[in-house]
């Protein structure tokens, strides 16, 4: 009897063939130009889809060699003898799940061709370097649309350089590159990083666990995904000198709701000018600094958008030129977290100052929204860098939020300073700015302020303890002066009394005074000069409820009476000048108390008779 064989449907047969092919190829392959000859004789060769240069055996012999690796294959470039360095030349479009430069292989360059689609169903998706030699891939890498996560990793010394990377995610989706070094080698992404044409985004995660740095240095990058710097340093290049640029080393900074997040101990370092657009740019991308650092890598200028500092730092080591120094603080600086944040400069570089607002836009200001991050009276934002106007602009500062912000630099900006909430401590200078303190807000410090208006409900506290605050310009106080007094000497930050030293007119109409005695030993006729006025004008107005000679407080056994015509020159006097002082006066008993005292004495004398 003749055996009958049934034919399989064509579709089923095709699927079986595909599965068999996948099973055959779903394994690591090794670049092996000399074929089945034992070992690996050279790394130089053509990856062209014709040459069977990929073998399945780590020893370089045996098995079935292939010419066209696919997205199921992990490719390994291994040490060869005698030719261990050179170029692998790509022709056309090729594919691989991953490419690894194995330990021992010399410097190899993969170049040419149209593209290599990277990622798939192999053991891993990405580019991996275990060799101590420098390695490079200049052929464009296209991210496999079937994958969302990719790794570019360098575990050894020697730089890994990767050229253009193009995403393939569809609209609403993001493909994420995790880039990192676990040694000193570092990774440079030198080509354009783009999103591709399918509508999706490419994002980055930086994980450098050693000294190796990840560098983005192509000014044409256009990717729109978020960047997370989890550890180590991300070093950027520059960008185009145009307003609101949609390309730059950090990609499209005009993408709404896009963020760069810097973890504790991590660093974003700018190594070129205009990384996110020039000084006229309104940058949309926000940087969130969670204990990390924003800095620069030389004399470069960068326009920042909104920045959230949560125990974070912005530090300048140099700037481009005087008009375009290190950073332009072009967006709102929001301070939160549970530790103080810092804006500072360091090193010997020139032009380390920072500009406020947006250049070429008159009267724009930078808002500092400062929360009470420290949970105490300590400063929540410490600004030691010099703040200046932007190029061809008049820029100012707005302080909001309930926290405390300290300015300790000799600032030169000429726009207004508006303290809308919380406390601004001026321990440096804002002498070129007109300052207004709103109701509920406070100005204090040991520095120099320009013309000052303390609105009704606002407060002025000289010093950071008993100390001196200088005002160069008109002084208008409708709010409250809280004068701290611990001794009969001018305050030094630890002991003494507060003093406001004004060079300009003084108007205290509608203002109030609180004399806060907390310690000290005093004598009759002691004088405490709480406000010094220059010699050119008299005080206008009096403090609420305190006419000339009125008693402000009782402390140390004395009444402290106020004078608006005190004279601080020489030994000082209660009259004859235009300063404000308090004088210790021995209390005069009230008539009723005096009468009762006399009656008591008479009764005592009568009993003795």
Protein backbone atom coordinates (compact mmCIF):
# COMPACT_ATOMS: atom_id res chain seq x y z
CA UNK A 1 0.00 0.00 0.00
CA UNK A 2 1.40 3.37 -0.99
CA UNK A 3 1.83 5.89 1.81
CA UNK A 4 -0.16 9.09 1.33
CA UNK A 5 1.42 12.48 2.27
CA UNK A 6 -0.71 15.55 2.79
CA UNK A 7 0.67 18.91 1.73
CA UNK A 8 0.87 21.62 4.42
CA UNK A 9 -0.83 24.90 3.68
CA UNK A 10 1.67 27.46 2.39
CA UNK A 11 1.05 29.88 5.32
CA UNK A 12 1.73 27.19 7.96
CA UNK A 13 4.84 26.07 6.15
CA UNK A 14 6.13 29.63 6.00
CA UNK A 15 5.58 30.07 9.72
CA UNK A 16 7.45 26.85 10.49
CA UNK A 17 10.37 27.99 8.35
CA UNK A 18 10.42 31.36 10.09
CA UNK A 19 10.39 29.73 13.52
CA UNK A 20 13.21 27.42 12.56
CA UNK A 21 15.19 30.32 11.18
CA UNK A 22 14.64 32.29 14.38
CA UNK A 23 15.72 29.33 16.48
CA UNK A 24 18.82 28.97 14.36
CA UNK A 25 19.77 32.64 14.63
CA UNK A 26 18.61 33.45 18.23
CA UNK A 27 22.13 33.04 19.58
CA UNK A 28 25.29 35.10 19.93
CA UNK A 29 27.37 35.52 16.80
CA UNK A 30 31.03 36.46 16.47
CA UNK A 31 32.70 38.59 13.83
CA UNK A 32 34.95 36.03 12.13
CA UNK A 33 36.36 37.08 8.79
CA UNK A 34 38.43 33.92 8.22
CA UNK A 35 35.40 31.64 8.43
CA UNK A 36 35.71 28.15 9.78
CA UNK A 37 39.46 28.43 10.25
CA UNK A 38 40.15 28.12 13.94
CA UNK A 39 40.51 31.46 15.74
CA UNK A 40 40.07 35.02 14.53
CA UNK A 41 42.73 36.40 12.22
CA UNK A 42 41.52 39.99 11.67
CA UNK A 43 38.82 42.46 12.62
CA UNK A 44 38.95 44.14 9.21
CA UNK A 45 36.18 43.20 6.81
CA UNK A 46 32.97 44.12 5.01
CA UNK A 47 29.56 43.73 6.68
CA UNK A 48 27.63 43.74 3.45
CA UNK A 49 24.97 41.06 3.66
CA UNK A 50 26.96 38.83 1.34
CA UNK A 51 30.04 37.79 3.28
CA UNK A 52 29.39 35.00 5.78
CA UNK A 53 31.49 36.64 8.48
CA UNK A 54 29.29 35.92 11.50
CA UNK A 55 29.92 32.59 13.17
CA UNK A 56 28.18 30.96 16.13
CA UNK A 57 31.27 29.61 17.86
CA UNK A 58 33.29 31.62 20.40
CA UNK A 59 36.40 29.70 19.34
CA UNK A 60 36.09 30.87 15.76
CA UNK A 61 35.47 27.47 14.17
CA UNK A 62 32.52 25.23 13.36
CA UNK A 63 28.85 25.87 12.99
CA UNK A 64 26.87 27.65 10.32
CA UNK A 65 28.05 31.12 9.37
CA UNK A 66 25.62 33.83 8.28
CA UNK A 67 25.89 37.06 6.31
CA UNK A 68 22.74 38.82 7.49
CA UNK A 69 22.31 39.02 11.26
CA UNK A 70 18.86 40.05 12.39
CA UNK A 71 17.13 41.64 15.38
CA UNK A 72 17.37 38.28 17.14
CA UNK A 73 21.18 38.24 17.15
CA UNK A 74 23.70 39.55 19.65
CA UNK A 75 26.90 40.36 17.76
CA UNK A 76 30.36 40.24 19.33
CA UNK A 77 33.53 41.87 18.01
CA UNK A 78 36.31 39.77 19.56
CA UNK A 79 40.08 39.82 19.80
CA UNK A 80 41.82 38.80 16.58
CA UNK A 81 45.38 37.73 15.80
CA UNK A 82 47.39 39.23 14.23
CA UNK A 83 45.16 42.13 13.05
CA UNK A 84 43.31 43.31 16.14
CA UNK A 85 42.50 46.86 15.03
CA UNK A 86 40.84 48.34 11.99
CA UNK A 87 37.52 49.09 10.32
CA UNK A 88 34.40 47.05 9.76
CA UNK A 89 32.84 48.54 6.64
CA UNK A 90 29.04 48.44 6.49
CA UNK A 91 27.12 48.34 3.22
CA UNK A 92 23.40 49.12 3.03
CA UNK A 93 21.03 48.62 5.97
CA UNK A 94 21.92 46.01 8.56
CA UNK A 95 20.43 44.79 11.87
CA UNK A 96 21.42 43.38 15.24
CA UNK A 97 19.89 43.07 18.66
CA UNK A 98 23.16 44.22 20.20
CA UNK A 99 26.81 44.83 19.38
CA UNK A 100 29.52 44.12 21.97
CA UNK A 101 33.19 45.08 21.73
CA UNK A 102 34.60 42.18 23.75
CA UNK A 103 37.47 42.33 26.17
CA UNK A 104 40.82 42.17 24.39
CA UNK A 105 39.76 43.54 21.03
CA UNK A 106 41.75 46.54 19.84
CA UNK A 107 40.45 49.85 18.52
CA UNK A 108 37.70 49.12 16.01
CA UNK A 109 35.56 51.47 13.92
CA UNK A 110 32.23 50.41 12.42
CA UNK A 111 31.43 52.81 9.61
CA UNK A 112 29.72 53.26 6.28
CA UNK A 113 26.43 51.95 5.00
CA UNK A 114 22.96 53.35 5.43
CA UNK A 115 22.10 52.24 8.95
CA UNK A 116 22.16 49.53 11.58
CA UNK A 117 18.84 48.85 13.24
CA UNK A 118 19.69 48.06 16.84
CA UNK A 119 17.53 46.22 19.38
CA UNK A 120 15.41 43.13 19.20
CA UNK A 121 14.85 39.82 20.90
CA UNK A 122 18.42 38.85 21.69
CA UNK A 123 19.82 38.72 25.20
CA UNK A 124 20.17 42.51 25.16
CA UNK A 125 19.43 45.58 23.04
CA UNK A 126 22.15 48.17 22.59
CA UNK A 127 25.88 48.78 22.32
CA UNK A 128 28.31 47.37 24.89
CA UNK A 129 32.04 47.94 25.34
CA UNK A 130 34.17 45.64 27.49
CA UNK A 131 37.42 46.38 25.64
CA UNK A 132 39.99 48.80 27.09
CA UNK A 133 40.61 50.27 23.63
CA UNK A 134 38.65 53.17 22.15
CA UNK A 135 35.75 51.99 19.99
CA UNK A 136 33.58 53.84 17.50
CA UNK A 137 30.38 53.35 15.53
CA UNK A 138 29.76 56.09 12.97
CA UNK A 139 27.05 54.26 11.03
CA UNK A 140 23.61 55.62 11.89
CA UNK A 141 21.83 53.53 14.52
CA UNK A 142 18.05 53.17 14.18
CA UNK A 143 16.23 52.04 17.29
CA UNK A 144 14.07 49.00 16.62
CA UNK A 145 10.44 50.08 16.72
CA UNK A 146 9.56 46.91 18.66
CA UNK A 147 11.73 47.95 21.63
CA UNK A 148 11.28 50.72 24.18
CA UNK A 149 14.51 50.32 26.19
CA UNK A 150 18.13 50.29 25.01
CA UNK A 151 21.53 50.32 26.73
CA UNK A 152 24.78 51.96 25.66
CA UNK A 153 27.38 50.79 28.19
CA UNK A 154 31.14 51.15 28.66
CA UNK A 155 32.65 48.98 31.38
CA UNK A 156 36.33 49.74 30.71
CA UNK A 157 38.81 52.53 30.08
CA UNK A 158 38.91 53.95 26.57
CA UNK A 159 36.18 56.07 24.98
CA UNK A 160 33.12 54.64 23.24
CA UNK A 161 31.93 56.98 20.48
CA UNK A 162 28.53 56.53 18.87
CA UNK A 163 27.29 58.55 15.92
CA UNK A 164 23.73 59.36 14.92
CA UNK A 165 20.87 57.68 16.78
CA UNK A 166 17.35 57.81 15.36
CA UNK A 167 14.22 56.71 17.16
CA UNK A 168 11.27 54.84 15.67
CA UNK A 169 8.61 55.12 18.39
CA UNK A 170 5.08 55.95 17.36
CA UNK A 171 3.08 58.95 18.53
CA UNK A 172 2.62 59.01 22.29
CA UNK A 173 5.46 56.56 22.94
CA UNK A 174 9.07 57.01 24.00
CA UNK A 175 12.17 54.92 23.40
CA UNK A 176 14.68 55.33 26.24
CA UNK A 177 18.45 55.08 25.97
CA UNK A 178 20.24 54.24 29.21
CA UNK A 179 23.80 55.46 28.76
CA UNK A 180 26.51 54.88 31.30
CA UNK A 181 30.07 53.99 32.21
CA UNK A 182 31.18 51.82 35.09
CA UNK A 183 34.82 52.78 34.52
CA UNK A 184 36.70 55.87 33.34
CA UNK A 185 36.15 55.34 29.63
CA UNK A 186 33.04 57.41 29.05
CA UNK A 187 30.63 57.55 26.12
CA UNK A 188 30.29 60.30 23.54
CA UNK A 189 27.16 60.55 21.41
CA UNK A 190 28.61 62.60 18.57
CA UNK A 191 25.89 62.32 15.94
CA UNK A 192 22.40 63.74 15.78
CA UNK A 193 19.95 62.16 18.22
CA UNK A 194 16.52 62.39 16.63
CA UNK A 195 13.02 61.13 17.28
CA UNK A 196 12.45 59.64 13.84
CA UNK A 197 9.41 60.14 11.63
CA UNK A 198 6.80 58.03 13.43
CA UNK A 199 5.80 60.74 15.90
CA UNK A 200 7.35 59.32 19.08
CA UNK A 201 10.18 60.52 21.30
CA UNK A 202 13.66 59.49 22.37
CA UNK A 203 14.65 60.00 26.03
CA UNK A 204 17.88 59.49 27.97
CA UNK A 205 18.88 58.01 31.32
CA UNK A 206 22.47 58.68 32.43
CA UNK A 207 24.04 56.12 34.79
CA UNK A 208 27.75 56.80 35.23
CA UNK A 209 28.88 54.92 38.31
CA UNK A 210 32.55 55.81 37.93
CA UNK A 211 34.51 58.76 36.52
CA UNK A 212 33.49 58.16 32.93
CA UNK A 213 31.47 61.03 31.44
CA UNK A 214 28.58 60.90 29.00
CA UNK A 215 28.91 63.63 26.37
CA UNK A 216 26.28 65.03 23.99
CA UNK A 217 28.11 67.34 21.62
CA UNK A 218 25.98 67.59 18.49
CA UNK A 219 24.28 70.98 18.18
CA UNK A 220 21.68 69.45 15.84
CA UNK A 221 20.09 67.08 18.36
CA UNK A 222 16.30 67.28 18.16
CA UNK A 223 15.07 64.54 20.50
CA UNK A 224 12.13 65.50 22.74
CA UNK A 225 12.13 62.91 25.53
CA UNK A 226 13.02 63.59 29.15
CA UNK A 227 16.56 63.25 30.49
CA UNK A 228 17.30 61.68 33.87
CA UNK A 229 20.84 62.00 35.23
CA UNK A 230 20.84 59.34 37.93
CA UNK A 231 24.57 59.31 38.63
CA UNK A 232 27.78 60.79 37.32
CA UNK A 233 28.14 63.61 34.81
CA UNK A 234 26.36 64.52 31.59
CA UNK A 235 28.47 66.99 29.58
CA UNK A 236 26.75 68.95 26.83
CA UNK A 237 28.01 70.77 23.81
CA UNK A 238 26.46 73.97 22.49
CA UNK A 239 23.55 74.93 20.32
CA UNK A 240 22.58 77.38 17.60
CA UNK A 241 22.83 81.10 18.38
CA UNK A 242 19.13 81.65 17.69
CA UNK A 243 16.14 82.50 19.87
CA UNK A 244 13.92 79.60 20.96
CA UNK A 245 15.97 77.04 19.06
CA UNK A 246 14.39 73.63 18.55
CA UNK A 247 17.76 71.89 18.26
CA UNK A 248 20.82 71.83 20.48
CA UNK A 249 23.01 69.37 22.30
CA UNK A 250 20.18 68.65 24.77
CA UNK A 251 17.60 68.25 22.03
CA UNK A 252 14.49 70.36 21.59
CA UNK A 253 14.38 72.71 24.60
CA UNK A 254 11.11 74.23 23.34
CA UNK A 255 9.17 71.03 24.07
CA UNK A 256 6.44 71.80 26.60
CA UNK A 257 6.49 69.78 29.85
CA UNK A 258 9.90 68.34 29.04
CA UNK A 259 12.29 67.88 31.98
CA UNK A 260 15.87 67.16 32.91
CA UNK A 261 16.10 65.59 36.37
CA UNK A 262 19.43 65.58 38.23
CA UNK A 263 19.69 63.18 41.15
CA UNK A 264 21.68 63.73 44.33
CA UNK A 265 25.39 63.69 43.57
CA UNK A 266 24.87 63.85 39.79
CA UNK A 267 25.95 66.73 37.54
CA UNK A 268 24.78 68.46 34.37
CA UNK A 269 27.77 70.34 32.94
CA UNK A 270 27.51 72.75 30.01
CA UNK A 271 30.50 72.59 27.68
CA UNK A 272 29.36 74.94 24.92
CA UNK A 273 27.42 78.14 24.28
CA UNK A 274 23.66 78.38 23.77
CA UNK A 275 22.91 74.73 24.47
CA UNK A 276 19.20 75.53 24.75
CA UNK A 277 19.04 78.64 22.58
CA UNK A 278 20.56 82.11 22.85
CA UNK A 279 19.93 84.88 25.38
CA UNK A 280 16.64 85.95 23.77
CA UNK A 281 15.16 82.46 24.29
CA UNK A 282 12.27 81.56 26.56
CA UNK A 283 13.31 78.00 27.34
CA UNK A 284 10.40 75.60 27.90
CA UNK A 285 12.38 72.66 29.26
CA UNK A 286 12.54 72.59 33.08
CA UNK A 287 15.55 71.34 35.03
CA UNK A 288 14.81 69.63 38.37
CA UNK A 289 17.84 69.43 40.66
CA UNK A 290 17.27 66.93 43.49
CA UNK A 291 20.50 67.42 45.40
CA UNK A 292 22.60 67.48 42.23
CA UNK A 293 24.48 70.25 40.44
CA UNK A 294 24.19 72.41 37.33
CA UNK A 295 27.58 73.80 36.30
CA UNK A 296 29.67 74.61 33.25
CA UNK A 297 32.87 73.18 31.88
CA UNK A 298 34.63 76.39 30.93
CA UNK A 299 33.88 79.88 29.69
CA UNK A 300 30.45 79.26 28.21
CA UNK A 301 27.05 80.98 28.26
CA UNK A 302 23.78 79.10 28.80
CA UNK A 303 20.20 80.34 29.00
CA UNK A 304 18.23 78.35 31.55
CA UNK A 305 14.46 78.08 31.76
CA UNK A 306 12.60 77.16 34.92
CA UNK A 307 14.75 75.40 37.52
CA UNK A 308 13.55 73.52 40.61
CA UNK A 309 16.24 73.40 43.30
CA UNK A 310 15.55 70.76 45.93
CA UNK A 311 18.74 70.95 47.94
CA UNK A 312 20.46 71.54 44.60
CA UNK A 313 23.21 73.80 43.27
CA UNK A 314 23.82 76.04 40.27
CA UNK A 315 27.55 76.81 40.15
CA UNK A 316 29.54 78.80 37.61
CA UNK A 317 33.25 78.39 36.95
CA UNK A 318 33.42 80.95 34.12
CA UNK A 319 31.47 82.68 31.38
CA UNK A 320 31.80 83.65 27.72
CA UNK A 321 32.10 87.46 27.94
CA UNK A 322 30.96 90.15 30.38
CA UNK A 323 27.61 90.71 28.65
CA UNK A 324 27.00 86.99 28.22
CA UNK A 325 28.54 85.42 31.31
CA UNK A 326 27.94 81.92 32.68
CA UNK A 327 24.17 81.47 33.06
CA UNK A 328 21.07 83.46 32.31
CA UNK A 329 18.38 82.71 34.89
CA UNK A 330 15.58 83.07 32.40
CA UNK A 331 12.82 81.19 34.22
CA UNK A 332 11.40 80.87 37.71
CA UNK A 333 13.78 79.41 40.30
CA UNK A 334 11.66 77.30 42.65
CA UNK A 335 13.29 76.17 45.90
CA UNK A 336 11.93 73.21 47.86
CA UNK A 337 13.07 69.91 49.33
CA UNK A 338 14.38 69.54 52.86
CA UNK A 339 17.79 71.23 52.63
CA UNK A 340 19.12 74.62 51.55
CA UNK A 341 19.97 75.23 47.88
CA UNK A 342 22.84 77.26 46.45
CA UNK A 343 23.57 79.51 43.47
CA UNK A 344 27.29 80.20 43.45
CA UNK A 345 30.56 80.55 41.55
CA UNK A 346 33.97 79.01 42.06
CA UNK A 347 37.42 78.85 40.55
CA UNK A 348 39.54 81.47 38.82
CA UNK A 349 37.57 81.76 35.59
CA UNK A 350 36.39 85.13 34.27
CA UNK A 351 32.79 86.29 33.80
CA UNK A 352 31.33 83.95 36.40
CA UNK A 353 28.38 86.25 37.12
CA UNK A 354 24.79 85.35 36.13
CA UNK A 355 22.11 87.44 34.45
CA UNK A 356 18.49 87.88 35.47
CA UNK A 357 15.42 87.79 33.22
CA UNK A 358 15.66 87.63 29.45
CA UNK A 359 18.21 89.64 27.49
CA UNK A 360 16.97 92.21 24.98
CA UNK A 361 13.66 92.42 26.87
CA UNK A 362 13.49 95.52 29.07
CA UNK A 363 12.28 95.17 32.67
CA UNK A 364 11.89 91.41 32.83
CA UNK A 365 12.65 89.83 36.20
CA UNK A 366 13.60 86.44 37.56
CA UNK A 367 11.25 85.09 40.22
CA UNK A 368 12.75 83.15 43.12
CA UNK A 369 9.93 81.16 44.71
CA UNK A 370 11.54 79.97 47.94
CA UNK A 371 9.84 77.54 50.33
CA UNK A 372 10.92 76.97 53.93
CA UNK A 373 13.10 74.02 52.92
CA UNK A 374 15.21 73.99 56.09
CA UNK A 375 12.19 74.13 58.38
CA UNK A 376 13.90 76.84 60.44
CA UNK A 377 15.00 80.48 60.30
CA UNK A 378 18.12 79.42 58.38
CA UNK A 379 18.46 80.53 54.79
CA UNK A 380 16.78 78.25 52.26
CA UNK A 381 18.51 79.68 49.17
CA UNK A 382 22.05 81.06 49.34
CA UNK A 383 23.05 83.19 46.35
CA UNK A 384 26.71 84.23 46.41
CA UNK A 385 27.22 84.72 42.68
CA UNK A 386 26.93 88.25 41.27
CA UNK A 387 23.58 88.92 39.57
CA UNK A 388 23.56 91.42 36.70
CA UNK A 389 21.41 92.75 33.87
CA UNK A 390 21.17 90.80 30.66
CA UNK A 391 22.62 92.19 27.45
CA UNK A 392 20.78 95.40 26.38
CA UNK A 393 18.23 94.89 29.17
CA UNK A 394 17.18 96.17 32.60
CA UNK A 395 16.43 93.13 34.72
CA UNK A 396 15.14 92.67 38.24
CA UNK A 397 14.43 90.18 40.98
CA UNK A 398 11.17 88.99 42.54
CA UNK A 399 11.25 87.13 45.84
CA UNK A 400 8.17 85.01 46.57
CA UNK A 401 7.47 82.06 48.86
CA UNK A 402 7.64 81.93 52.67
CA UNK A 403 11.30 80.88 52.84
CA UNK A 404 14.47 82.91 53.27
CA UNK A 405 16.77 83.89 50.42
CA UNK A 406 20.25 85.34 51.01
CA UNK A 407 22.17 87.56 48.58
CA UNK A 408 25.85 87.86 49.48
CA UNK A 409 27.36 89.04 46.20
CA UNK A 410 27.99 92.58 45.02
CA UNK A 411 25.09 92.55 42.59
CA UNK A 412 24.89 95.09 39.75
CA UNK A 413 21.42 94.60 38.23
CA UNK A 414 19.42 97.83 37.91
CA UNK A 415 15.87 96.53 37.66
CA UNK A 416 13.56 96.52 40.66
CA UNK A 417 13.71 94.14 43.62
CA UNK A 418 10.26 93.13 44.82
CA UNK A 419 9.99 91.13 48.03
CA UNK A 420 6.46 89.77 47.85
CA UNK A 421 6.70 87.11 50.56
CA UNK A 422 9.15 85.54 52.98
CA UNK A 423 12.52 87.10 53.79
CA UNK A 424 15.30 88.52 51.64
CA UNK A 425 18.61 88.77 53.49
CA UNK A 426 20.98 91.20 51.76
CA UNK A 427 24.46 90.55 53.08
CA UNK A 428 26.06 91.79 49.87
CA UNK A 429 24.80 94.67 47.78
CA UNK A 430 21.76 95.55 45.64
CA UNK A 431 22.59 99.27 45.72
CA UNK A 432 21.60 99.84 42.07
CA UNK A 433 18.08 98.47 42.52
CA UNK A 434 14.89 100.06 43.85
CA UNK A 435 13.55 97.65 46.50
CA UNK A 436 9.96 97.29 47.66
CA UNK A 437 8.87 95.11 50.59
CA UNK A 438 5.25 94.00 50.39
CA UNK A 439 2.87 93.40 53.29
CA UNK A 440 3.88 90.27 55.18
CA UNK A 441 7.39 90.19 53.67
CA UNK A 442 10.72 91.06 55.32
CA UNK A 443 14.01 92.58 54.30
CA UNK A 444 17.07 92.12 56.48
CA UNK A 445 20.82 91.67 56.32
CA UNK A 446 24.16 93.39 56.81
CA UNK A 447 24.70 94.61 53.26
CA UNK A 448 23.82 97.64 51.16
CA UNK A 449 20.42 98.35 49.63
CA UNK A 450 19.42 101.03 47.16
CA UNK A 451 16.29 103.12 47.56
CA UNK A 452 13.92 101.19 49.83
CA UNK A 453 10.17 101.20 50.41
CA UNK A 454 8.75 99.08 53.21
CA UNK A 455 5.02 98.90 52.59
CA UNK A 456 2.40 98.85 55.32
CA UNK A 457 2.44 95.35 56.81
CA UNK A 458 6.02 94.76 55.70
CA UNK A 459 9.05 94.43 57.97
CA UNK A 460 12.68 95.53 58.08
CA UNK A 461 15.17 93.79 60.37
CA UNK A 462 18.71 95.13 60.24
CA UNK A 463 21.36 92.42 60.33
CA UNK A 464 21.19 88.69 60.80
CA UNK A 465 21.21 89.34 64.54
CA UNK A 466 22.09 92.74 65.99
CA UNK A 467 23.91 94.45 63.10
CA UNK A 468 23.94 97.30 60.56
CA UNK A 469 22.05 97.57 57.27
CA UNK A 470 22.98 100.36 54.83
CA UNK A 471 20.45 102.09 52.59
CA UNK A 472 21.83 104.21 49.74
CA UNK A 473 18.84 106.18 48.51
CA UNK A 474 15.42 107.24 49.73
CA UNK A 475 14.13 105.33 52.75
CA UNK A 476 10.33 105.10 53.01
CA UNK A 477 8.97 102.98 55.84
CA UNK A 478 5.24 102.45 56.25
CA UNK A 479 5.82 98.99 57.72
CA UNK A 480 7.52 97.88 60.93
CA UNK A 481 11.15 98.23 61.97
CA UNK A 482 12.04 95.35 64.32
CA UNK A 483 15.10 96.67 66.17
CA UNK A 484 16.95 93.92 68.03
CA UNK A 485 18.85 95.19 71.10
CA UNK A 486 21.17 93.10 73.29
CA UNK A 487 23.80 95.68 74.37
CA UNK A 488 24.70 99.38 74.20
CA UNK A 489 27.08 99.00 71.25
CA UNK A 490 26.52 98.92 67.51
CA UNK A 491 25.66 95.37 66.51
CA UNK A 492 28.32 92.98 65.25
CA UNK A 493 26.07 90.08 64.35
CA UNK A 494 26.27 88.57 67.82
CA UNK A 495 25.65 91.34 70.30
CA UNK A 496 24.76 95.04 70.29
CA UNK A 497 21.88 96.83 68.62
CA UNK A 498 20.40 97.04 65.13
CA UNK A 499 21.09 100.12 63.09
CA UNK A 500 19.84 101.32 59.70
CA UNK A 501 22.32 103.70 58.08
CA UNK A 502 20.61 105.84 55.43
CA UNK A 503 22.24 108.03 52.83
CA UNK A 504 19.18 109.76 51.43
CA UNK A 505 15.82 111.06 52.55
CA UNK A 506 13.97 109.32 55.41
CA UNK A 507 10.17 109.16 55.60
CA UNK A 508 8.66 107.00 58.33
CA UNK A 509 5.11 108.33 58.12
CA UNK A 510 2.72 105.51 58.98
CA UNK A 511 5.57 103.26 60.06
CA UNK A 512 5.95 101.37 63.34
CA UNK A 513 8.85 100.54 65.64
CA UNK A 514 9.30 97.46 67.81
CA UNK A 515 12.28 97.73 70.17
CA UNK A 516 13.19 94.15 71.02
CA UNK A 517 15.38 94.28 74.15
CA UNK A 518 16.54 90.78 75.13
CA UNK A 519 19.69 91.36 77.21
CA UNK A 520 22.30 93.92 78.23
CA UNK A 521 23.29 96.17 81.15
CA UNK A 522 22.50 99.85 80.79
CA UNK A 523 22.97 103.17 82.56
CA UNK A 524 20.96 106.35 82.65
CA UNK A 525 21.33 108.53 79.53
CA UNK A 526 22.66 105.66 77.40
CA UNK A 527 21.87 106.32 73.73
CA UNK A 528 21.05 103.68 71.15
CA UNK A 529 21.08 105.02 67.59
CA UNK A 530 18.72 102.75 65.67
CA UNK A 531 18.69 104.86 62.48
CA UNK A 532 21.43 107.15 61.19
CA UNK A 533 20.41 109.79 58.68
CA UNK A 534 22.84 111.77 56.56
CA UNK A 535 23.30 115.43 57.47
CA UNK A 536 21.32 116.88 54.56
CA UNK A 537 17.71 116.36 55.65
CA UNK A 538 15.44 115.90 58.61
CA UNK A 539 13.34 112.86 59.40
CA UNK A 540 9.85 113.08 57.89
CA UNK A 541 7.08 111.74 60.15
CA UNK A 542 7.14 109.79 63.37
CA UNK A 543 6.45 106.19 64.24
CA UNK A 544 2.84 105.33 65.01
CA UNK A 545 1.95 106.38 68.57
CA UNK A 546 5.48 107.58 69.32
CA UNK A 547 5.90 111.34 69.35
CA UNK A 548 9.20 112.99 70.17
CA UNK A 549 10.23 111.91 73.67
CA UNK A 550 7.67 109.11 73.96
CA UNK A 551 8.56 105.91 75.78
CA UNK A 552 9.11 103.00 73.41
CA UNK A 553 9.98 100.27 75.92
CA UNK A 554 10.94 99.64 79.53
CA UNK A 555 13.98 97.44 80.06
CA UNK A 556 16.84 97.16 82.51
CA UNK A 557 15.18 99.48 84.99
CA UNK A 558 14.88 102.33 82.48
CA UNK A 559 12.31 103.88 80.23
CA UNK A 560 13.61 104.11 76.67
CA UNK A 561 12.43 107.33 75.08
CA UNK A 562 12.62 108.10 71.38
CA UNK A 563 14.13 111.08 69.59
CA UNK A 564 13.88 111.93 65.90
CA UNK A 565 16.39 114.74 66.25
CA UNK A 566 19.23 112.85 67.93
CA UNK A 567 22.81 113.59 66.99
CA UNK A 568 25.20 110.67 66.57
CA UNK A 569 28.33 112.76 66.09
CA UNK A 570 30.91 112.96 68.84
CA UNK A 571 29.67 111.51 72.10
CA UNK A 572 26.09 111.67 70.81
CA UNK A 573 23.10 113.61 72.10
CA UNK A 574 19.33 113.24 72.31
CA UNK A 575 18.77 116.45 70.30
CA UNK A 576 20.58 118.63 67.80
CA UNK A 577 20.63 116.28 64.83
CA UNK A 578 18.46 114.22 62.46
CA UNK A 579 19.03 110.64 63.63
CA UNK A 580 16.65 108.33 65.48
CA UNK A 581 17.79 107.19 68.92
CA UNK A 582 16.50 105.68 72.14
CA UNK A 583 17.70 107.06 75.49
CA UNK A 584 17.68 105.35 78.88
CA UNK A 585 15.72 107.49 81.36
CA UNK A 586 15.19 106.75 85.03
CA UNK A 587 11.46 106.29 85.52
CA UNK A 588 9.70 109.10 87.43
CA UNK A 589 7.23 107.65 89.94
CA UNK A 590 3.62 108.45 89.30
CA UNK A 591 2.12 111.05 91.76
CA UNK A 592 -0.08 108.46 93.43
CA UNK A 593 2.86 106.16 93.96
CA UNK A 594 4.92 109.02 95.40
CA UNK A 595 2.10 110.00 97.81
CA UNK A 596 1.74 106.42 99.04
CA UNK A 597 5.49 106.28 99.59
CA UNK A 598 5.44 109.44 101.74
CA UNK A 599 2.52 108.19 103.82
CA UNK A 600 4.39 104.99 104.45
CA UNK A 601 7.43 106.89 105.73
CA UNK A 602 5.26 109.06 108.06
CA UNK A 603 3.59 106.00 109.52
CA UNK A 604 6.96 104.38 110.12
CA UNK A 605 8.27 107.49 111.94
CA UNK A 606 5.13 107.73 114.12
CA UNK A 607 5.49 104.10 115.24
CA UNK A 608 9.04 104.80 116.37
CA UNK A 609 7.96 107.76 118.64
